Amino acid sequence: MTQLPLSGTITAIVTPFTPDGETVDVDALDALVEAQIAGGVSALVPCGTTGESPTLTEAEAGVVVQRVVAAARGRVPVIAGTGSFSTKKTIAASRAALAAGASGVMVVMPYYSKPSQDGLREHTLAVAKAISGPIVLYNVPGRTASDLSAETTERICAAAPNVVAIKDASGNVLRCQELARRLGDRLTILCGDDALTVAMMALGAQGVISVTSNVLPREVSAVPRKFLAGDLAGARAAHLALLELHGLMFVEPSPAPAKAALAAMGRMSDAVRLPLLPAGEATRQQIAEAMKRIEARREAL
């Protein structure tokens, strides 16, 4: 089976843009990668939903993957988001990402078309057969209108050795435990919702693919690290301390709140691309207040 050990906190990294939103800010991207690795994250996912992949051109996606791979310098795996509603486009993007040095690819279930379970299986197997690198499945029915069932996931894993993990953003902890029951150690389960990290890890997930870690990589990374070390009380406390901020990352369409927080920290422009809009002032104020409370807790420890 293709190997790609994944656990802990994996950042679904935002794509910084210049203030007008027209160009990828590669210097800010390099700095963000460095901050993530310094903060203790275990892998990076460029060009995912949080990276505004639907608005990136093919050339821009290539640049983003290349820059993240170069900036990471082999210190952590880079899992490029390459999925789309088209099987052919997904294969082409996956091949390009692996050629650029990505450690593997993350393939979201095809959106808009609403394929059947058999369609989801055949799509995934076509991608798996067309590439040699590891694949992380991404199930996020709230965005795609396609919900990859545990049974279909099991069928995919039986036929595709290079499918090594799944990002489960179904929001359903029952799905996590069913995947764990059916597949055991065959498939690494990664939580796709920051607010459910501890709950899903209690049922078999090995970590989280996080949005909040863009802003606070060290604090978010502490939660899976404590859990995997057996410090369940510490993991729970660290998780609950971040719960308010997790919610604020989605109070407006993501990644606008995360970019607003990063802009307030002087890390990048808050620019997002239409049809998304920058976070409003009320959201910015809520984030600033939540960050102050997190800092106050840190200083009190």
Protein backbone atom coordinates (compact mmCIF):
# COMPACT_ATOMS: atom_id res chain seq x y z
CA MET A 1 0.00 0.00 0.00
CA THR A 2 1.25 3.49 -0.87
CA GLN A 3 2.60 5.10 2.27
CA LEU A 4 1.84 8.63 3.47
CA PRO A 5 1.65 8.75 7.26
CA LEU A 6 -0.74 11.52 8.28
CA SER A 7 -1.72 12.55 11.78
CA GLY A 8 -1.91 15.61 14.00
CA THR A 9 -2.80 19.04 12.61
CA ILE A 10 -2.74 19.54 8.86
CA THR A 11 -3.40 23.08 7.68
CA ALA A 12 -5.76 23.70 4.77
CA ILE A 13 -3.71 26.72 3.82
CA VAL A 14 -5.23 29.95 2.53
CA THR A 15 -4.01 31.47 -0.73
CA PRO A 16 -2.77 35.02 -0.08
CA PHE A 17 -3.62 37.56 -2.77
CA THR A 18 -2.38 41.06 -3.47
CA PRO A 19 -4.79 43.70 -2.11
CA ASP A 20 -6.67 43.94 -5.40
CA GLY A 21 -7.15 40.15 -5.42
CA GLU A 22 -5.69 39.85 -8.88
CA THR A 23 -2.43 38.05 -8.13
CA VAL A 24 -1.18 35.38 -5.75
CA ASP A 25 1.08 37.00 -3.15
CA VAL A 26 3.87 34.44 -3.25
CA ASP A 27 5.98 36.18 -0.60
CA ALA A 28 3.10 36.08 1.88
CA LEU A 29 2.52 32.44 0.94
CA ASP A 30 6.16 31.57 1.64
CA ALA A 31 5.97 33.32 5.02
CA LEU A 32 2.71 31.56 5.88
CA VAL A 33 4.25 28.16 5.16
CA GLU A 34 7.19 29.00 7.40
CA ALA A 35 4.88 30.11 10.21
CA GLN A 36 2.84 26.92 9.92
CA ILE A 37 5.88 24.66 10.16
CA ALA A 38 7.29 26.70 13.04
CA GLY A 39 3.91 26.30 14.74
CA GLY A 40 4.17 22.52 14.64
CA VAL A 41 1.70 21.48 11.96
CA SER A 42 2.35 18.06 10.47
CA ALA A 43 1.36 18.68 6.83
CA LEU A 44 -0.02 21.34 4.48
CA VAL A 45 -2.90 21.30 2.02
CA PRO A 46 -2.67 24.03 -0.65
CA CYS A 47 -5.43 24.60 -3.22
CA GLY A 48 -8.23 23.19 -1.09
CA THR A 49 -11.52 24.92 -0.45
CA THR A 50 -9.80 27.16 2.11
CA GLY A 51 -7.28 28.03 -0.60
CA GLU A 52 -10.14 29.30 -2.81
CA SER A 53 -9.36 26.66 -5.41
CA PRO A 54 -12.49 27.34 -7.50
CA THR A 55 -11.18 30.84 -8.24
CA LEU A 56 -7.59 29.87 -9.09
CA THR A 57 -6.56 29.47 -12.69
CA GLU A 58 -4.71 26.30 -13.65
CA ALA A 59 -1.49 28.29 -13.84
CA GLU A 60 -2.07 29.88 -10.43
CA ALA A 61 -2.78 26.52 -8.82
CA GLY A 62 0.49 25.27 -10.26
CA VAL A 63 2.37 28.23 -8.82
CA VAL A 64 0.77 27.78 -5.39
CA VAL A 65 1.67 24.09 -5.21
CA GLN A 66 5.22 24.72 -6.42
CA ARG A 67 5.77 27.53 -3.90
CA VAL A 68 4.39 25.54 -0.97
CA VAL A 69 6.53 22.53 -1.89
CA ALA A 70 9.61 24.75 -2.23
CA ALA A 71 8.95 26.62 1.02
CA ALA A 72 8.25 23.41 2.96
CA ARG A 73 11.63 22.00 1.86
CA GLY A 74 10.61 18.46 2.71
CA ARG A 75 9.98 19.24 6.38
CA VAL A 76 6.29 18.29 6.16
CA PRO A 77 4.21 16.56 3.48
CA VAL A 78 2.33 18.74 0.99
CA ILE A 79 -1.06 17.36 -0.06
CA ALA A 80 -2.35 19.34 -3.02
CA GLY A 81 -6.08 19.83 -3.50
CA THR A 82 -6.77 18.65 -7.04
CA GLY A 83 -10.40 17.52 -7.08
CA SER A 84 -13.12 19.01 -9.24
CA PHE A 85 -16.45 18.09 -10.83
CA SER A 86 -14.56 16.65 -13.83
CA THR A 87 -12.71 13.35 -13.67
CA LYS A 88 -10.40 14.33 -16.54
CA LYS A 89 -9.55 17.67 -14.93
CA THR A 90 -8.95 15.98 -11.58
CA ILE A 91 -6.53 13.52 -13.17
CA ALA A 92 -4.68 16.29 -15.01
CA ALA A 93 -4.42 18.45 -11.88
CA SER A 94 -3.28 15.48 -9.79
CA ARG A 95 -0.55 14.56 -12.25
CA ALA A 96 0.63 18.18 -12.37
CA ALA A 97 0.73 18.47 -8.57
CA LEU A 98 2.72 15.28 -8.15
CA ALA A 99 5.11 16.39 -10.89
CA ALA A 100 5.58 19.65 -8.95
CA GLY A 101 6.71 17.69 -5.91
CA ALA A 102 3.53 17.27 -3.90
CA SER A 103 3.61 14.30 -1.52
CA GLY A 104 0.06 13.37 -2.45
CA VAL A 105 -3.26 14.81 -3.57
CA MET A 106 -6.59 15.50 -1.91
CA VAL A 107 -9.58 14.71 -4.11
CA VAL A 108 -12.90 16.27 -3.16
CA MET A 109 -16.01 14.41 -4.24
CA PRO A 110 -17.36 15.85 -7.51
CA TYR A 111 -19.70 18.74 -6.86
CA TYR A 112 -22.76 20.10 -8.66
CA SER A 113 -23.39 16.96 -10.73
CA LYS A 114 -24.59 14.94 -7.72
CA PRO A 115 -23.20 11.55 -8.87
CA SER A 116 -24.53 8.27 -7.55
CA GLN A 117 -22.46 6.19 -5.12
CA ASP A 118 -21.32 4.08 -8.08
CA GLY A 119 -20.36 7.29 -9.89
CA LEU A 120 -18.32 8.47 -6.92
CA ARG A 121 -16.59 5.11 -6.79
CA GLU A 122 -15.78 5.02 -10.50
CA HIS A 123 -14.57 8.63 -10.45
CA THR A 124 -12.20 7.92 -7.57
CA LEU A 125 -10.94 4.66 -9.06
CA ALA A 126 -10.26 6.38 -12.39
CA VAL A 127 -8.12 8.97 -10.61
CA ALA A 128 -6.39 6.30 -8.50
CA LYS A 129 -5.53 4.26 -11.58
CA ALA A 130 -4.22 7.30 -13.46
CA ILE A 131 -1.68 8.38 -10.84
CA SER A 132 0.86 6.62 -8.67
CA GLY A 133 0.83 8.99 -5.70
CA PRO A 134 -1.18 8.78 -2.46
CA ILE A 135 -4.76 10.06 -2.45
CA VAL A 136 -6.69 11.63 0.41
CA LEU A 137 -10.42 11.49 -0.23
CA TYR A 138 -12.40 14.58 0.79
CA ASN A 139 -16.05 14.15 1.70
CA VAL A 140 -17.84 17.43 2.37
CA PRO A 141 -21.51 16.95 1.45
CA GLY A 142 -22.49 20.41 2.68
CA ARG A 143 -20.49 21.90 -0.18
CA THR A 144 -20.69 19.23 -2.88
CA ALA A 145 -24.21 17.77 -2.50
CA SER A 146 -22.49 14.37 -2.80
CA ASP A 147 -22.07 12.27 0.34
CA LEU A 148 -19.54 9.45 0.03
CA SER A 149 -20.94 6.61 2.13
CA ALA A 150 -18.86 4.39 4.40
CA GLU A 151 -19.78 1.40 2.24
CA THR A 152 -18.58 3.11 -0.94
CA THR A 153 -15.39 4.22 0.80
CA GLU A 154 -14.76 0.61 1.78
CA ARG A 155 -15.29 -0.52 -1.83
CA ILE A 156 -12.86 2.14 -3.06
CA CYS A 157 -10.20 1.08 -0.56
CA ALA A 158 -10.54 -2.55 -1.62
CA ALA A 159 -9.70 -1.62 -5.20
CA ALA A 160 -7.30 1.32 -4.86
CA PRO A 161 -4.21 0.80 -2.67
CA ASN A 162 -3.07 4.39 -3.16
CA VAL A 163 -6.17 5.77 -1.41
CA VAL A 164 -4.61 6.23 2.02
CA ALA A 165 -6.80 8.67 3.95
CA ILE A 166 -10.09 10.52 4.07
CA LYS A 167 -10.92 14.00 5.24
CA ASP A 168 -14.38 13.55 6.70
CA ALA A 169 -16.22 16.87 6.81
CA SER A 170 -19.67 15.31 6.93
CA GLY A 171 -20.11 16.76 10.43
CA ASN A 172 -21.32 13.34 11.53
CA VAL A 173 -19.30 11.53 14.17
CA LEU A 174 -21.34 8.41 13.45
CA ARG A 175 -19.77 8.36 9.98
CA CYS A 176 -16.31 8.49 11.55
CA GLN A 177 -16.97 5.49 13.76
CA GLU A 178 -18.49 3.53 10.89
CA LEU A 179 -15.42 4.19 8.76
CA ALA A 180 -13.23 3.07 11.64
CA ARG A 181 -15.33 -0.07 12.15
CA ARG A 182 -15.22 -1.04 8.49
CA LEU A 183 -11.65 -0.10 7.63
CA GLY A 184 -9.62 -0.13 10.85
CA ASP A 185 -6.01 0.82 10.12
CA ARG A 186 -6.45 0.48 6.36
CA LEU A 187 -7.58 4.11 5.99
CA THR A 188 -6.43 7.13 7.99
CA ILE A 189 -9.41 9.22 9.06
CA LEU A 190 -8.87 12.96 9.42
CA CYS A 191 -11.43 15.29 10.91
CA GLY A 192 -12.59 17.96 8.48
CA ASP A 193 -14.29 20.21 11.05
CA ASP A 194 -12.16 22.02 13.63
CA ALA A 195 -14.99 22.00 16.16
CA LEU A 196 -15.21 18.18 16.08
CA THR A 197 -11.53 17.30 16.42
CA VAL A 198 -11.60 15.71 19.87
CA ALA A 199 -14.94 13.99 19.28
CA MET A 200 -13.74 12.39 16.05
CA MET A 201 -10.35 11.44 17.43
CA ALA A 202 -12.15 9.65 20.25
CA LEU A 203 -13.76 7.49 17.55
CA GLY A 204 -10.67 6.77 15.50
CA ALA A 205 -9.57 9.89 13.61
CA GLN A 206 -5.83 10.56 13.68
CA GLY A 207 -5.99 14.34 13.47
CA VAL A 208 -7.60 17.30 11.76
CA ILE A 209 -7.31 19.17 8.48
CA SER A 210 -7.78 22.61 9.96
CA VAL A 211 -8.78 26.11 8.93
CA THR A 212 -8.10 27.72 12.33
CA SER A 213 -4.48 26.58 12.27
CA ASN A 214 -3.82 29.17 9.56
CA VAL A 215 -4.21 31.71 12.37
CA LEU A 216 -2.98 29.81 15.45
CA PRO A 217 -0.94 26.80 14.29
CA ARG A 218 0.75 26.17 17.61
CA GLU A 219 -2.46 26.21 19.63
CA VAL A 220 -4.42 24.06 17.18
CA SER A 221 -1.53 21.60 16.85
CA ALA A 222 -1.51 21.10 20.61
CA VAL A 223 -4.94 19.43 20.56
CA PRO A 224 -4.16 16.31 18.46
CA ARG A 225 -0.66 16.13 19.90
CA LYS A 226 -2.00 15.94 23.46
CA PHE A 227 -4.70 13.46 22.43
CA LEU A 228 -2.28 11.13 20.65
CA ALA A 229 0.06 11.30 23.66
CA GLY A 230 -2.74 10.10 25.92
CA ASP A 231 -3.37 13.45 27.60
CA LEU A 232 -7.10 13.42 27.00
CA ALA A 233 -7.90 16.04 29.64
CA GLY A 234 -5.27 18.36 28.20
CA ALA A 235 -6.55 17.84 24.65
CA ARG A 236 -10.10 18.57 25.76
CA ALA A 237 -9.08 21.76 27.59
CA ALA A 238 -6.98 22.98 24.66
CA HIS A 239 -9.82 22.23 22.24
CA LEU A 240 -12.46 24.02 24.28
CA ALA A 241 -10.22 27.07 24.58
CA LEU A 242 -10.30 27.35 20.76
CA LEU A 243 -13.96 26.53 20.24
CA GLU A 244 -15.13 30.14 19.96
CA LEU A 245 -12.50 30.93 17.33
CA HIS A 246 -13.34 27.76 15.40
CA GLY A 247 -16.92 29.00 15.10
CA LEU A 248 -15.84 32.47 14.03
CA MET A 249 -13.81 31.05 11.14
CA PHE A 250 -17.17 30.15 9.55
CA VAL A 251 -19.45 32.93 10.73
CA GLU A 252 -18.96 34.31 7.20
CA PRO A 253 -17.98 32.25 4.15
CA SER A 254 -14.50 30.76 4.60
CA PRO A 255 -11.71 31.77 4.21
CA ALA A 256 -12.72 35.43 4.64
CA PRO A 257 -12.61 35.30 8.47
CA ALA A 258 -9.25 33.50 8.51
CA LYS A 259 -7.79 36.05 6.10
CA ALA A 260 -9.20 38.89 8.20
CA ALA A 261 -7.42 37.46 11.26
CA LEU A 262 -4.17 37.02 9.34
CA ALA A 263 -4.44 40.56 7.96
CA ALA A 264 -4.89 41.91 11.50
CA MET A 265 -1.67 40.08 12.41
CA GLY A 266 0.13 41.75 9.49
CA ARG A 267 0.64 38.48 7.63
CA MET A 268 -1.17 39.22 4.35
CA SER A 269 -3.94 41.13 2.63
CA ASP A 270 -7.49 40.17 3.56
CA ALA A 271 -8.42 40.00 -0.15
CA VAL A 272 -10.67 37.18 -1.31
CA ARG A 273 -12.03 36.62 -4.78
CA LEU A 274 -15.61 37.01 -5.90
CA PRO A 275 -18.13 35.59 -5.26
CA LEU A 276 -16.63 35.77 -1.75
CA LEU A 277 -16.35 39.09 0.06
CA PRO A 278 -13.95 40.22 2.79
CA ALA A 279 -15.18 39.69 6.33
CA GLY A 280 -17.30 42.48 7.77
CA GLU A 281 -16.31 44.75 10.63
CA ALA A 282 -18.47 42.93 13.19
CA THR A 283 -16.74 39.65 12.39
CA ARG A 284 -13.32 41.29 12.62
CA GLN A 285 -14.16 42.66 16.04
CA GLN A 286 -15.41 39.29 17.26
CA ILE A 287 -12.23 37.61 16.06
CA ALA A 288 -10.05 40.25 17.72
CA GLU A 289 -11.88 39.78 21.03
CA ALA A 290 -11.65 35.98 20.81
CA MET A 291 -7.92 36.20 20.10
CA LYS A 292 -7.47 38.43 23.16
CA ARG A 293 -9.25 35.87 25.33
CA ILE A 294 -7.04 33.08 23.99
CA GLU A 295 -3.95 35.17 24.71
CA ALA A 296 -5.19 35.93 28.22
CA ARG A 297 -5.64 32.21 28.92
CA ARG A 298 -2.14 31.52 27.60
CA GLU A 299 -0.62 34.17 29.87
CA ALA A 300 -2.52 32.77 32.86
CA LEU A 301 -1.02 29.30 32.44
